[in-house]
PDB file of N, CA and C in Angstrom:
ATOM      1  N   MET A   1      29.620  15.341  21.961  1.00  0.00           N
ATOM      2  CA  MET A   1      30.378  16.527  21.657  1.00  0.00           C
ATOM      3  C   MET A   1      31.092  17.011  22.916  1.00  0.00           C
ATOM      4  N   PRO A   2      32.366  17.294  22.800  1.00  0.00           N
ATOM      5  CA  PRO A   2      33.097  17.843  23.950  1.00  0.00           C
ATOM      6  C   PRO A   2      32.762  19.322  24.151  1.00  0.00           C
ATOM      7  N   ASP A   3      33.061  19.809  25.356  1.00  0.00           N
ATOM      8  CA  ASP A   3      32.870  21.232  25.617  1.00  0.00           C
ATOM      9  C   ASP A   3      33.882  22.075  24.842  1.00  0.00           C
ATOM     10  N   LEU A   4      35.111  21.593  24.763  1.00  0.00           N
ATOM     11  CA  LEU A   4      36.182  22.262  24.012  1.00  0.00           C
ATOM     12  C   LEU A   4      36.963  21.203  23.240  1.00  0.00           C
ATOM     13  N   ALA A   5      37.513  21.578  22.102  1.00  0.00           N
ATOM     14  CA  ALA A   5      38.313  20.649  21.306  1.00  0.00           C
ATOM     15  C   ALA A   5      39.386  21.426  20.564  1.00  0.00           C
ATOM     16  N   GLY A   6      40.491  20.723  20.251  1.00  0.00           N
ATOM     17  CA  GLY A   6      41.574  21.357  19.514  1.00  0.00           C
ATOM     18  C   GLY A   6      42.263  20.379  18.585  1.00  0.00           C
ATOM     19  N   TRP A   7      42.775  20.907  17.487  1.00  0.00           N
ATOM     20  CA  TRP A   7      43.468  20.118  16.481  1.00  0.00           C
ATOM     21  C   TRP A   7      44.860  20.684  16.259  1.00  0.00           C
ATOM     22  N   ARG A   8      45.818  19.822  16.045  1.00  0.00           N
ATOM     23  CA  ARG A   8      47.162  20.269  15.670  1.00  0.00           C
ATOM     24  C   ARG A   8      47.107  20.748  14.215  1.00  0.00           C
ATOM     25  N   ARG A   9      47.861  21.779  13.944  1.00  0.00           N
ATOM     26  CA  ARG A   9      47.856  22.345  12.588  1.00  0.00           C
ATOM     27  C   ARG A   9      48.309  21.339  11.541  1.00  0.00           C
ATOM     28  N   GLU A  10      49.206  20.426  11.934  1.00  0.00           N
ATOM     29  CA  GLU A  10      49.668  19.415  10.971  1.00  0.00           C
ATOM     30  C   GLU A  10      48.515  18.545  10.489  1.00  0.00           C
ATOM     31  N   ARG A  11      47.547  18.323  11.360  1.00  0.00           N
ATOM     32  CA  ARG A  11      46.412  17.459  11.011  1.00  0.00           C
ATOM     33  C   ARG A  11      45.261  18.243  10.391  1.00  0.00           C
ATOM     34  N   MET A  12      45.124  19.519  10.733  1.00  0.00           N
ATOM     35  CA  MET A  12      44.068  20.356  10.167  1.00  0.00           C
ATOM     36  C   MET A  12      44.657  21.735   9.850  1.00  0.00           C
ATOM     37  N   PRO A  13      45.390  21.828   8.742  1.00  0.00           N
ATOM     38  CA  PRO A  13      46.054  23.089   8.422  1.00  0.00           C
ATOM     39  C   PRO A  13      45.086  24.217   8.053  1.00  0.00           C
ATOM     40  N   ASP A  14      43.916  23.859   7.532  1.00  0.00           N
ATOM     41  CA  ASP A  14      42.921  24.848   7.135  1.00  0.00           C
ATOM     42  C   ASP A  14      41.600  24.563   7.831  1.00  0.00           C
ATOM     43  N   TYR A  15      40.936  25.621   8.234  1.00  0.00           N
ATOM     44  CA  TYR A  15      39.630  25.493   8.881  1.00  0.00           C
ATOM     45  C   TYR A  15      38.613  25.061   7.828  1.00  0.00           C
ATOM     46  N   PRO A  16      37.907  23.939   8.059  1.00  0.00           N
ATOM     47  CA  PRO A  16      36.960  23.447   7.052  1.00  0.00           C
ATOM     48  C   PRO A  16      35.786  24.411   6.861  1.00  0.00           C
ATOM     49  N   ASP A  17      35.290  24.456   5.653  1.00  0.00           N
ATOM     50  CA  ASP A  17      34.142  25.291   5.329  1.00  0.00           C
ATOM     51  C   ASP A  17      32.865  24.441   5.389  1.00  0.00           C
ATOM     52  N   THR A  18      32.703  23.756   6.529  1.00  0.00           N
ATOM     53  CA  THR A  18      31.533  22.891   6.737  1.00  0.00           C
ATOM     54  C   THR A  18      31.020  23.094   8.156  1.00  0.00           C
ATOM     55  N   ALA A  19      29.866  22.534   8.433  1.00  0.00           N
ATOM     56  CA  ALA A  19      29.269  22.637   9.773  1.00  0.00           C
ATOM     57  C   ALA A  19      29.783  21.547  10.705  1.00  0.00           C
ATOM     58  N   TRP A  20      30.681  20.695  10.227  1.00  0.00           N
ATOM     59  CA  TRP A  20      31.232  19.599  11.020  1.00  0.00           C
ATOM     60  C   TRP A  20      32.691  19.381  10.629  1.00  0.00           C
ATOM     61  N   PHE A  21      33.371  18.580  11.446  1.00  0.00           N
ATOM     62  CA  PHE A  21      34.756  18.238  11.165  1.00  0.00           C
ATOM     63  C   PHE A  21      34.854  16.741  10.922  1.00  0.00           C
ATOM     64  N   ALA A  22      35.521  16.359   9.856  1.00  0.00           N
ATOM     65  CA  ALA A  22      35.702  14.938   9.554  1.00  0.00           C
ATOM     66  C   ALA A  22      36.891  14.347  10.297  1.00  0.00           C
ATOM     67  N   ILE A  23      37.759  15.197  10.844  1.00  0.00           N
ATOM     68  CA  ILE A  23      38.955  14.763  11.555  1.00  0.00           C
ATOM     69  C   ILE A  23      38.691  14.851  13.056  1.00  0.00           C
ATOM     70  N   SER A  24      38.957  13.770  13.775  1.00  0.00           N
ATOM     71  CA  SER A  24      38.763  13.805  15.226  1.00  0.00           C
ATOM     72  C   SER A  24      39.793  14.743  15.856  1.00  0.00           C
ATOM     73  N   PRO A  25      39.439  15.394  16.963  1.00  0.00           N
ATOM     74  CA  PRO A  25      40.370  16.324  17.595  1.00  0.00           C
ATOM     75  C   PRO A  25      41.573  15.613  18.205  1.00  0.00           C
ATOM     76  N   ASP A  26      42.619  16.380  18.456  1.00  0.00           N
ATOM     77  CA  ASP A  26      43.801  15.872  19.154  1.00  0.00           C
ATOM     78  C   ASP A  26      43.639  16.032  20.666  1.00  0.00           C
ATOM     79  N   TRP A  27      42.790  16.979  21.066  1.00  0.00           N
ATOM     80  CA  TRP A  27      42.580  17.306  22.478  1.00  0.00           C
ATOM     81  C   TRP A  27      41.112  17.641  22.682  1.00  0.00           C
ATOM     82  N   VAL A  28      40.555  17.127  23.767  1.00  0.00           N
ATOM     83  CA  VAL A  28      39.205  17.519  24.172  1.00  0.00           C
ATOM     84  C   VAL A  28      39.217  17.861  25.655  1.00  0.00           C
ATOM     85  N   CYS A  29      38.307  18.739  26.025  1.00  0.00           N
ATOM     86  CA  CYS A  29      38.164  19.142  27.416  1.00  0.00           C
ATOM     87  C   CYS A  29      36.695  19.120  27.767  1.00  0.00           C
ATOM     88  N   GLU A  30      36.386  18.488  28.876  1.00  0.00           N
ATOM     89  CA  GLU A  30      35.026  18.468  29.412  1.00  0.00           C
ATOM     90  C   GLU A  30      35.005  19.289  30.686  1.00  0.00           C
ATOM     91  N   VAL A  31      34.047  20.199  30.790  1.00  0.00           N
ATOM     92  CA  VAL A  31      33.831  20.967  32.007  1.00  0.00           C
ATOM     93  C   VAL A  31      32.729  20.238  32.764  1.00  0.00           C
ATOM     94  N   LEU A  32      33.105  19.645  33.892  1.00  0.00           N
ATOM     95  CA  LEU A  32      32.166  18.800  34.632  1.00  0.00           C
ATOM     96  C   LEU A  32      31.113  19.642  35.339  1.00  0.00           C
ATOM     97  N   SER A  33      29.876  19.203  35.218  1.00  0.00           N
ATOM     98  CA  SER A  33      28.767  19.843  35.915  1.00  0.00           C
ATOM     99  C   SER A  33      27.903  18.741  36.505  1.00  0.00           C
ATOM    100  N   PRO A  34      27.106  19.051  37.521  1.00  0.00           N
ATOM    101  CA  PRO A  34      26.274  18.012  38.134  1.00  0.00           C
ATOM    102  C   PRO A  34      25.384  17.285  37.128  1.00  0.00           C
ATOM    103  N   GLY A  35      24.887  17.991  36.128  1.00  0.00           N
ATOM    104  CA  GLY A  35      23.981  17.381  35.162  1.00  0.00           C
ATOM    105  C   GLY A  35      24.645  16.476  34.144  1.00  0.00           C
ATOM    106  N   THR A  36      25.930  16.683  33.859  1.00  0.00           N
ATOM    107  CA  THR A  36      26.606  15.893  32.814  1.00  0.00           C
ATOM    108  C   THR A  36      27.807  15.117  33.316  1.00  0.00           C
ATOM    109  N   ARG A  37      28.103  15.206  34.597  1.00  0.00           N
ATOM    110  CA  ARG A  37      29.317  14.597  35.165  1.00  0.00           C
ATOM    111  C   ARG A  37      29.466  13.115  34.812  1.00  0.00           C
ATOM    112  N   LYS A  38      28.434  12.313  35.050  1.00  0.00           N
ATOM    113  CA  LYS A  38      28.528  10.869  34.773  1.00  0.00           C
ATOM    114  C   LYS A  38      28.716  10.594  33.289  1.00  0.00           C
ATOM    115  N   ILE A  39      28.014  11.343  32.452  1.00  0.00           N
ATOM    116  CA  ILE A  39      28.149  11.162  31.003  1.00  0.00           C
ATOM    117  C   ILE A  39      29.573  11.484  30.568  1.00  0.00           C
ATOM    118  N   ASP A  40      30.089  12.627  31.036  1.00  0.00           N
ATOM    119  CA  ASP A  40      31.441  13.042  30.652  1.00  0.00           C
ATOM    120  C   ASP A  40      32.500  12.050  31.120  1.00  0.00           C
ATOM    121  N   LEU A  41      32.383  11.597  32.361  1.00  0.00           N
ATOM    122  CA  LEU A  41      33.410  10.718  32.940  1.00  0.00           C
ATOM    123  C   LEU A  41      33.323   9.274  32.459  1.00  0.00           C
ATOM    124  N   PHE A  42      32.114   8.771  32.265  1.00  0.00           N
ATOM    125  CA  PHE A  42      31.983   7.333  32.016  1.00  0.00           C
ATOM    126  C   PHE A  42      31.492   6.950  30.626  1.00  0.00           C
ATOM    127  N   GLU A  43      30.744   7.814  29.962  1.00  0.00           N
ATOM    128  CA  GLU A  43      30.242   7.461  28.635  1.00  0.00           C
ATOM    129  C   GLU A  43      31.104   8.027  27.510  1.00  0.00           C
ATOM    130  N   LYS A  44      31.569   9.254  27.675  1.00  0.00           N
ATOM    131  CA  LYS A  44      32.363   9.868  26.611  1.00  0.00           C
ATOM    132  C   LYS A  44      33.803   9.379  26.575  1.00  0.00           C
ATOM    133  N   ARG A  45      34.362   9.087  27.725  1.00  0.00           N
ATOM    134  CA  ARG A  45      35.778   8.691  27.787  1.00  0.00           C
ATOM    135  C   ARG A  45      36.103   7.518  26.858  1.00  0.00           C
ATOM    136  N   PRO A  46      35.330   6.421  26.862  1.00  0.00           N
ATOM    137  CA  PRO A  46      35.660   5.334  25.933  1.00  0.00           C
ATOM    138  C   PRO A  46      35.455   5.707  24.463  1.00  0.00           C
ATOM    139  N   ILE A  47      34.523   6.601  24.194  1.00  0.00           N
ATOM    140  CA  ILE A  47      34.318   7.056  22.811  1.00  0.00           C
ATOM    141  C   ILE A  47      35.539   7.838  22.339  1.00  0.00           C
ATOM    142  N   TYR A  48      36.041   8.709  23.197  1.00  0.00           N
ATOM    143  CA  TYR A  48      37.235   9.485  22.835  1.00  0.00           C
ATOM    144  C   TYR A  48      38.432   8.561  22.606  1.00  0.00           C
ATOM    145  N   ALA A  49      38.559   7.538  23.411  1.00  0.00           N
ATOM    146  CA  ALA A  49      39.655   6.569  23.225  1.00  0.00           C
ATOM    147  C   ALA A  49      39.495   5.836  21.896  1.00  0.00           C
ATOM    148  N   ARG A  50      38.292   5.393  21.620  1.00  0.00           N
ATOM    149  CA  ARG A  50      38.027   4.675  20.366  1.00  0.00           C
ATOM    150  C   ARG A  50      38.364   5.541  19.156  1.00  0.00           C
ATOM    151  N   GLU A  51      38.119   6.827  19.248  1.00  0.00           N
ATOM    152  CA  GLU A  51      38.376   7.746  18.134  1.00  0.00           C
ATOM    153  C   GLU A  51      39.833   8.197  18.061  1.00  0.00           C
ATOM    154  N   GLY A  52      40.653   7.752  19.020  1.00  0.00           N
ATOM    155  CA  GLY A  52      42.079   8.036  18.985  1.00  0.00           C
ATOM    156  C   GLY A  52      42.456   9.452  19.398  1.00  0.00           C
ATOM    157  N   ILE A  53      41.620  10.094  20.181  1.00  0.00           N
ATOM    158  CA  ILE A  53      41.931  11.431  20.678  1.00  0.00           C
ATOM    159  C   ILE A  53      43.052  11.289  21.698  1.00  0.00           C
ATOM    160  N   ALA A  54      44.136  12.000  21.485  1.00  0.00           N
ATOM    161  CA  ALA A  54      45.353  11.777  22.271  1.00  0.00           C
ATOM    162  C   ALA A  54      45.314  12.368  23.670  1.00  0.00           C
ATOM    163  N   HIS A  55      44.577  13.451  23.871  1.00  0.00           N
ATOM    164  CA  HIS A  55      44.593  14.154  25.156  1.00  0.00           C
ATOM    165  C   HIS A  55      43.175  14.475  25.600  1.00  0.00           C
ATOM    166  N   LEU A  56      42.912  14.238  26.881  1.00  0.00           N
ATOM    167  CA  LEU A  56      41.594  14.482  27.469  1.00  0.00           C
ATOM    168  C   LEU A  56      41.773  15.191  28.794  1.00  0.00           C
ATOM    169  N   TRP A  57      41.113  16.321  28.934  1.00  0.00           N
ATOM    170  CA  TRP A  57      41.141  17.072  30.189  1.00  0.00           C
ATOM    171  C   TRP A  57      39.742  17.130  30.773  1.00  0.00           C
ATOM    172  N   PHE A  58      39.662  17.034  32.095  1.00  0.00           N
ATOM    173  CA  PHE A  58      38.422  17.258  32.834  1.00  0.00           C
ATOM    174  C   PHE A  58      38.645  18.445  33.758  1.00  0.00           C
ATOM    175  N   VAL A  59      37.873  19.489  33.572  1.00  0.00           N
ATOM    176  CA  VAL A  59      37.913  20.646  34.455  1.00  0.00           C
ATOM    177  C   VAL A  59      36.686  20.553  35.360  1.00  0.00           C
ATOM    178  N   ASP A  60      36.917  20.598  36.662  1.00  0.00           N
ATOM    179  CA  ASP A  60      35.843  20.495  37.652  1.00  0.00           C
ATOM    180  C   ASP A  60      35.744  21.822  38.412  1.00  0.00           C
ATOM    181  N   PRO A  61      34.810  22.690  38.017  1.00  0.00           N
ATOM    182  CA  PRO A  61      34.707  24.002  38.669  1.00  0.00           C
ATOM    183  C   PRO A  61      34.352  23.912  40.156  1.00  0.00           C
ATOM    184  N   LEU A  62      33.526  22.951  40.539  1.00  0.00           N
ATOM    185  CA  LEU A  62      33.135  22.837  41.950  1.00  0.00           C
ATOM    186  C   LEU A  62      34.303  22.394  42.820  1.00  0.00           C
ATOM    187  N   ALA A  63      35.095  21.458  42.343  1.00  0.00           N
ATOM    188  CA  ALA A  63      36.265  20.986  43.090  1.00  0.00           C
ATOM    189  C   ALA A  63      37.484  21.870  42.838  1.00  0.00           C
ATOM    190  N   ARG A  64      37.350  22.811  41.912  1.00  0.00           N
ATOM    191  CA  ARG A  64      38.437  23.706  41.536  1.00  0.00           C
ATOM    192  C   ARG A  64      39.664  22.912  41.102  1.00  0.00           C
ATOM    193  N   GLY A  65      39.429  21.932  40.215  1.00  0.00           N
ATOM    194  CA  GLY A  65      40.513  21.064  39.789  1.00  0.00           C
ATOM    195  C   GLY A  65      40.518  20.763  38.308  1.00  0.00           C
ATOM    196  N   LEU A  66      41.607  20.167  37.880  1.00  0.00           N
ATOM    197  CA  LEU A  66      41.790  19.738  36.502  1.00  0.00           C
ATOM    198  C   LEU A  66      42.545  18.417  36.519  1.00  0.00           C
ATOM    199  N   GLU A  67      42.046  17.445  35.775  1.00  0.00           N
ATOM    200  CA  GLU A  67      42.773  16.194  35.568  1.00  0.00           C
ATOM    201  C   GLU A  67      43.014  16.053  34.077  1.00  0.00           C
ATOM    202  N   ALA A  68      44.237  15.716  33.728  1.00  0.00           N
ATOM    203  CA  ALA A  68      44.623  15.561  32.329  1.00  0.00           C
ATOM    204  C   ALA A  68      45.068  14.127  32.087  1.00  0.00           C
ATOM    205  N   PHE A  69      44.601  13.575  30.972  1.00  0.00           N
ATOM    206  CA  PHE A  69      44.906  12.203  30.599  1.00  0.00           C
ATOM    207  C   PHE A  69      45.515  12.172  29.208  1.00  0.00           C
ATOM    208  N   GLU A  70      46.345  11.157  28.978  1.00  0.00           N
ATOM    209  CA  GLU A  70      46.938  10.922  27.670  1.00  0.00           C
ATOM    210  C   GLU A  70      46.588   9.497  27.262  1.00  0.00           C
ATOM    211  N   LEU A  71      46.229   9.311  26.009  1.00  0.00           N
ATOM    212  CA  LEU A  71      45.881   7.989  25.503  1.00  0.00           C
ATOM    213  C   LEU A  71      47.150   7.232  25.140  1.00  0.00           C
ATOM    214  N   ARG A  72      47.365   6.090  25.801  1.00  0.00           N
ATOM    215  CA  ARG A  72      48.528   5.247  25.534  1.00  0.00           C
ATOM    216  C   ARG A  72      48.055   3.807  25.355  1.00  0.00           C
ATOM    217  N   ASP A  73      48.313   3.255  24.187  1.00  0.00           N
ATOM    218  CA  ASP A  73      47.900   1.883  23.867  1.00  0.00           C
ATOM    219  C   ASP A  73      46.419   1.654  24.164  1.00  0.00           C
ATOM    220  N   GLY A  74      45.593   2.652  23.814  1.00  0.00           N
ATOM    221  CA  GLY A  74      44.151   2.523  23.970  1.00  0.00           C
ATOM    222  C   GLY A  74      43.635   2.740  25.379  1.00  0.00           C
ATOM    223  N   GLN A  75      44.519   3.091  26.309  1.00  0.00           N
ATOM    224  CA  GLN A  75      44.125   3.306  27.703  1.00  0.00           C
ATOM    225  C   GLN A  75      44.433   4.733  28.128  1.00  0.00           C
ATOM    226  N   TRP A  76      43.564   5.298  28.961  1.00  0.00           N
ATOM    227  CA  TRP A  76      43.801   6.647  29.480  1.00  0.00           C
ATOM    228  C   TRP A  76      44.761   6.586  30.662  1.00  0.00           C
ATOM    229  N   VAL A  77      45.809   7.392  30.594  1.00  0.00           N
ATOM    230  CA  VAL A  77      46.811   7.468  31.653  1.00  0.00           C
ATOM    231  C   VAL A  77      46.772   8.884  32.219  1.00  0.00           C
ATOM    232  N   LEU A  78      46.614   8.983  33.535  1.00  0.00           N
ATOM    233  CA  LEU A  78      46.602  10.283  34.198  1.00  0.00           C
ATOM    234  C   LEU A  78      47.998  10.887  34.132  1.00  0.00           C
ATOM    235  N   ILE A  79      48.108  12.096  33.562  1.00  0.00           N
ATOM    236  CA  ILE A  79      49.421  12.747  33.457  1.00  0.00           C
ATOM    237  C   ILE A  79      49.524  13.979  34.354  1.00  0.00           C
ATOM    238  N   ALA A  80      48.377  14.483  34.846  1.00  0.00           N
ATOM    239  CA  ALA A  80      48.419  15.636  35.749  1.00  0.00           C
ATOM    240  C   ALA A  80      47.107  15.731  36.517  1.00  0.00           C
ATOM    241  N   SER A  81      47.229  16.128  37.766  1.00  0.00           N
ATOM    242  CA  SER A  81      46.073  16.380  38.620  1.00  0.00           C
ATOM    243  C   SER A  81      46.370  17.679  39.367  1.00  0.00           C
ATOM    244  N   LEU A  82      45.642  18.725  39.011  1.00  0.00           N
ATOM    245  CA  LEU A  82      45.925  20.056  39.544  1.00  0.00           C
ATOM    246  C   LEU A  82      44.707  20.599  40.283  1.00  0.00           C
ATOM    247  N   LYS A  83      44.974  21.566  41.190  1.00  0.00           N
ATOM    248  CA  LYS A  83      43.873  22.150  41.956  1.00  0.00           C
ATOM    249  C   LYS A  83      44.156  23.613  42.252  1.00  0.00           C
ATOM    250  N   ASP A  84      43.081  24.293  42.615  1.00  0.00           N
ATOM    251  CA  ASP A  84      43.136  25.678  43.075  1.00  0.00           C
ATOM    252  C   ASP A  84      43.909  26.588  42.124  1.00  0.00           C
ATOM    253  N   ASP A  85      45.057  27.095  42.573  1.00  0.00           N
ATOM    254  CA  ASP A  85      45.828  28.045  41.770  1.00  0.00           C
ATOM    255  C   ASP A  85      47.113  27.449  41.195  1.00  0.00           C
ATOM    256  N   ASP A  86      47.142  26.126  41.027  1.00  0.00           N
ATOM    257  CA  ASP A  86      48.319  25.477  40.451  1.00  0.00           C
ATOM    258  C   ASP A  86      48.605  26.032  39.055  1.00  0.00           C
ATOM    259  N   ALA A  87      49.867  26.001  38.675  1.00  0.00           N
ATOM    260  CA  ALA A  87      50.267  26.379  37.318  1.00  0.00           C
ATOM    261  C   ALA A  87      49.932  25.237  36.366  1.00  0.00           C
ATOM    262  N   VAL A  88      49.342  25.576  35.243  1.00  0.00           N
ATOM    263  CA  VAL A  88      48.964  24.591  34.229  1.00  0.00           C
ATOM    264  C   VAL A  88      49.915  24.728  33.047  1.00  0.00           C
ATOM    265  N   SER A  89      50.631  23.653  32.764  1.00  0.00           N
ATOM    266  CA  SER A  89      51.507  23.558  31.600  1.00  0.00           C
ATOM    267  C   SER A  89      51.581  22.079  31.246  1.00  0.00           C
ATOM    268  N   ILE A  90      50.524  21.618  30.595  1.00  0.00           N
ATOM    269  CA  ILE A  90      50.308  20.185  30.374  1.00  0.00           C
ATOM    270  C   ILE A  90      50.178  19.909  28.877  1.00  0.00           C
ATOM    271  N   SER A  91      50.684  18.773  28.468  1.00  0.00           N
ATOM    272  CA  SER A  91      50.550  18.317  27.095  1.00  0.00           C
ATOM    273  C   SER A  91      49.062  18.267  26.718  1.00  0.00           C
ATOM    274  N   PRO A  92      48.699  18.763  25.578  1.00  0.00           N
ATOM    275  CA  PRO A  92      49.507  19.197  24.451  1.00  0.00           C
ATOM    276  C   PRO A  92      49.832  20.691  24.458  1.00  0.00           C
ATOM    277  N   PHE A  93      49.635  21.359  25.589  1.00  0.00           N
ATOM    278  CA  PHE A  93      49.883  22.797  25.685  1.00  0.00           C
ATOM    279  C   PHE A  93      51.043  23.111  26.623  1.00  0.00           C
ATOM    280  N   GLU A  94      52.045  22.257  26.658  1.00  0.00           N
ATOM    281  CA  GLU A  94      53.159  22.442  27.574  1.00  0.00           C
ATOM    282  C   GLU A  94      54.029  23.655  27.217  1.00  0.00           C
ATOM    283  N   ALA A  95      53.858  24.218  26.036  1.00  0.00           N
ATOM    284  CA  ALA A  95      54.642  25.388  25.632  1.00  0.00           C
ATOM    285  C   ALA A  95      54.159  26.666  26.306  1.00  0.00           C
ATOM    286  N   ILE A  96      52.984  26.613  26.929  1.00  0.00           N
ATOM    287  CA  ILE A  96      52.449  27.782  27.624  1.00  0.00           C
ATOM    288  C   ILE A  96      52.168  27.407  29.074  1.00  0.00           C
ATOM    289  N   ALA A  97      51.935  28.403  29.894  1.00  0.00           N
ATOM    290  CA  ALA A  97      51.562  28.165  31.292  1.00  0.00           C
ATOM    291  C   ALA A  97      50.524  29.207  31.691  1.00  0.00           C
ATOM    292  N   PHE A  98      49.573  28.776  32.500  1.00  0.00           N
ATOM    293  CA  PHE A  98      48.591  29.689  33.051  1.00  0.00           C
ATOM    294  C   PHE A  98      48.179  29.181  34.423  1.00  0.00           C
ATOM    295  N   ASN A  99      47.543  30.015  35.172  1.00  0.00           N
ATOM    296  CA  ASN A  99      47.101  29.686  36.518  1.00  0.00           C
ATOM    297  C   ASN A  99      45.713  29.061  36.441  1.00  0.00           C
ATOM    298  N   LEU A 100      45.542  27.891  37.021  1.00  0.00           N
ATOM    299  CA  LEU A 100      44.240  27.216  36.983  1.00  0.00           C
ATOM    300  C   LEU A 100      43.142  28.102  37.568  1.00  0.00           C
ATOM    301  N   GLY A 101      43.462  28.862  38.586  1.00  0.00           N
ATOM    302  CA  GLY A 101      42.475  29.750  39.192  1.00  0.00           C
ATOM    303  C   GLY A 101      41.934  30.794  38.240  1.00  0.00           C
ATOM    304  N   ASP A 102      42.685  31.104  37.177  1.00  0.00           N
ATOM    305  CA  ASP A 102      42.215  32.085  36.199  1.00  0.00           C
ATOM    306  C   ASP A 102      41.012  31.585  35.415  1.00  0.00           C
ATOM    307  N   LEU A 103      40.745  30.288  35.448  1.00  0.00           N
ATOM    308  CA  LEU A 103      39.593  29.745  34.732  1.00  0.00           C
ATOM    309  C   LEU A 103      38.289  29.896  35.502  1.00  0.00           C
ATOM    310  N   ARG A 104      38.387  30.178  36.784  1.00  0.00           N
ATOM    311  CA  ARG A 104      37.165  30.269  37.613  1.00  0.00           C
ATOM    312  C   ARG A 104      36.393  31.546  37.298  1.00  0.00           C
ATOM    313  N   PRO A 105      35.069  31.431  37.193  1.00  0.00           N
ATOM    314  CA  PRO A 105      34.271  32.630  36.943  1.00  0.00           C
ATOM    315  C   PRO A 105      34.298  33.626  38.094  1.00  0.00           C
ATOM    316  N   ASP A 106      34.585  33.161  39.330  1.00  0.00           N
ATOM    317  CA  ASP A 106      34.650  34.069  40.472  1.00  0.00           C
ATOM    318  C   ASP A 106      36.021  34.734  40.602  1.00  0.00           C
ATOM    319  N   ASN A 107      36.908  34.449  39.636  1.00  0.00           N
ATOM    320  CA  ASN A 107      38.247  35.013  39.649  1.00  0.00           C
ATOM    321  C   ASN A 107      38.560  35.558  38.255  1.00  0.00           C
ATOM    322  N   PRO A 108      37.873  36.638  37.846  1.00  0.00           N
ATOM    323  CA  PRO A 108      38.095  37.149  36.488  1.00  0.00           C
ATOM    324  C   PRO A 108      39.502  37.684  36.309  1.00  0.00           C
ATOM    325  N   VAL A 109      40.042  37.452  35.128  1.00  0.00           N
ATOM    326  CA  VAL A 109      41.370  37.945  34.797  1.00  0.00           C
ATOM    327  C   VAL A 109      41.235  39.420  34.450  1.00  0.00           C
ATOM    328  N   VAL A 110      42.016  40.241  35.099  1.00  0.00           N
ATOM    329  CA  VAL A 110      41.988  41.678  34.860  1.00  0.00           C
ATOM    330  C   VAL A 110      43.173  42.042  33.983  1.00  0.00           C
ATOM    331  N   PRO A 111      42.900  42.669  32.816  1.00  0.00           N
ATOM    332  CA  PRO A 111      44.018  43.009  31.919  1.00  0.00           C
ATOM    333  C   PRO A 111      44.886  44.110  32.503  1.00  0.00           C
TER     334      PRO A 111
END
């Protein structure tokens, strides 16, 4: 199970009334931690590729970074590598932008 997942509305127009989803996500995000880092990077990545998930992000709170990958011909291709306070506007969310630093727990967003 990924830490975060998202589906395009075209593929899942209605939220299922079940405890599970039969449709694989279009995007997954793993938040790397010392306890799950190897599993997230090396065991889940091929599973996500096999399931045809188009976009995979790794957020690393300790390194203050984000790496984004896109699945092309069954292989993960790095499409962005961001750090610190870089602006994030990456597929499949290229229509929006936010500051990577806003994701850090030590940098709360103040309304």
